[in-house]
Each structure stands twice: as C-alpha cells, then as structure tokens.
Amino acid sequence: MAMTEVMLYAYIPSLATLIALGIGLMVISNRITDLNTNLNNRIGDLNSRMDRLEAQNERLQEQYSRLEAVMVGKLAEVETRLAKIEAHLEIR
C-alpha cells in the first residue's frame, strides 16, 4: 500500500463525520426556521387577540359611561322628588 492510500483511509472517517455534521446542521437550521415561523405566527395571533380585547374594553368603557350618565340623571331625579316630598310633608 502506498502512503496516499493510507492517508485516504485515514481521512474517510473524518470526511464521513464532517458530511454527517453538515447534514445535521442543515436539519437543525431548518427546524429553527420552522420554530421561528411558528413563534411569529403565535405572536401575531396574540397581537390580534390583544387588539380585539382592547376594542372590547373601549366598548365596555363607553357603555359604562352611558350607564353612569343615566344613573346620575336618575339619582338627580330621585333627589328632586324626595325634596318635593319632604317639602310637602314639611319634614325639614
């Protein structure tokens, strides 16, 4: 056997290891890209849910403000009626 054949047989396992390592790195890179895409989609979904919740919160605040205005008006009406009743009965 010549020296080059010995060197060739010595380098074949190293070359096979490098090829396997390269393939493994490509698979891992692909998986990381998939994970990144999946995370981006989930973050997008969360952002849209948060937007919907904020819109719902604004609607609830508007409804609360209208209800508060109605309740203040009713309370003022009840106070006026009570004052009239007290005046009529001369309670004060």
Protein backbone atom coordinates (compact mmCIF):
# COMPACT_ATOMS: atom_id res chain seq x y z
CA MET A 1 0.00 0.00 0.00
CA ALA A 2 1.20 3.43 -0.84
CA MET A 3 1.28 6.29 1.57
CA THR A 4 -1.56 8.09 -0.23
CA GLU A 5 -3.88 5.12 0.21
CA VAL A 6 -3.15 5.04 3.91
CA MET A 7 -3.85 8.74 4.16
CA LEU A 8 -7.06 8.25 2.16
CA TYR A 9 -8.25 5.51 4.54
CA ALA A 10 -7.35 7.76 7.47
CA TYR A 11 -9.36 10.70 6.11
CA ILE A 12 -12.50 8.76 5.10
CA PRO A 13 -13.93 8.52 8.66
CA SER A 14 -13.23 12.20 9.25
CA LEU A 15 -14.86 13.11 5.94
CA ALA A 16 -17.92 10.98 6.77
CA THR A 17 -18.17 12.70 10.14
CA LEU A 18 -17.97 16.14 8.52
CA ILE A 19 -20.67 15.21 5.99
CA ALA A 20 -22.94 13.88 8.76
CA LEU A 21 -22.27 17.03 10.78
CA GLY A 22 -23.12 19.23 7.79
CA ILE A 23 -26.38 17.38 7.18
CA GLY A 24 -27.24 17.61 10.86
CA LEU A 25 -26.59 21.36 10.87
CA MET A 26 -28.84 21.83 7.85
CA VAL A 27 -31.66 19.86 9.54
CA ILE A 28 -31.26 21.88 12.75
CA SER A 29 -31.22 25.13 10.77
CA ASN A 30 -34.44 24.09 9.03
CA ARG A 31 -36.05 23.23 12.38
CA ILE A 32 -35.00 26.59 13.82
CA THR A 33 -36.53 28.35 10.81
CA ASP A 34 -39.77 26.39 11.34
CA LEU A 35 -39.74 27.28 15.02
CA ASN A 36 -39.17 30.94 14.21
CA THR A 37 -42.08 30.94 11.74
CA ASN A 38 -44.32 29.18 14.27
CA LEU A 39 -43.41 31.66 17.01
CA ASN A 40 -44.01 34.61 14.69
CA ASN A 41 -47.47 33.23 13.83
CA ARG A 42 -48.31 32.75 17.50
CA ILE A 43 -47.12 36.25 18.38
CA GLY A 44 -49.25 37.61 15.53
CA ASP A 45 -52.26 35.71 16.88
CA LEU A 46 -51.64 37.11 20.37
CA ASN A 47 -51.36 40.64 18.98
CA SER A 48 -54.68 40.28 17.15
CA ARG A 49 -56.32 38.91 20.30
CA MET A 50 -54.95 41.82 22.32
CA ASP A 51 -56.31 44.25 19.71
CA ARG A 52 -59.75 42.63 19.96
CA LEU A 53 -59.62 42.79 23.77
CA GLU A 54 -58.65 46.46 23.66
CA ALA A 55 -61.55 47.21 21.31
CA GLN A 56 -63.92 45.30 23.59
CA ASN A 57 -62.56 47.19 26.60
CA GLU A 58 -63.21 50.52 24.84
CA ARG A 59 -66.79 49.47 24.06
CA LEU A 60 -67.34 48.45 27.69
CA GLN A 61 -65.96 51.77 28.90
CA GLU A 62 -68.34 53.62 26.56
CA GLN A 63 -71.27 51.56 27.85
CA TYR A 64 -70.20 52.22 31.43
CA SER A 65 -70.02 55.96 30.75
CA ARG A 66 -73.52 55.96 29.25
CA LEU A 67 -74.86 53.91 32.16
CA GLU A 68 -73.17 56.21 34.66
CA ALA A 69 -74.75 59.25 32.99
CA VAL A 70 -78.19 57.59 33.12
CA MET A 71 -77.71 56.64 36.79
CA VAL A 72 -76.61 60.17 37.72
CA GLY A 73 -79.68 61.55 35.95
CA LYS A 74 -81.97 59.09 37.73
CA LEU A 75 -80.35 59.88 41.09
CA ALA A 76 -80.85 63.60 40.49
CA GLU A 77 -84.49 62.90 39.62
CA VAL A 78 -84.96 60.83 42.81
CA GLU A 79 -83.34 63.58 44.91
CA THR A 80 -85.65 66.17 43.36
CA ARG A 81 -88.71 64.03 44.04
CA LEU A 82 -87.54 63.38 47.61
CA ALA A 83 -87.03 67.10 48.16
CA LYS A 84 -90.56 67.75 46.89
CA ILE A 85 -91.98 65.08 49.20
CA GLU A 86 -90.04 66.48 52.16
CA ALA A 87 -91.26 69.99 51.34
CA HIS A 88 -94.82 68.76 51.02
CA LEU A 89 -94.61 66.94 54.36
CA GLU A 90 -92.62 69.79 55.89
CA ILE A 91 -90.00 67.40 57.22
CA ARG A 92 -87.09 69.83 57.08
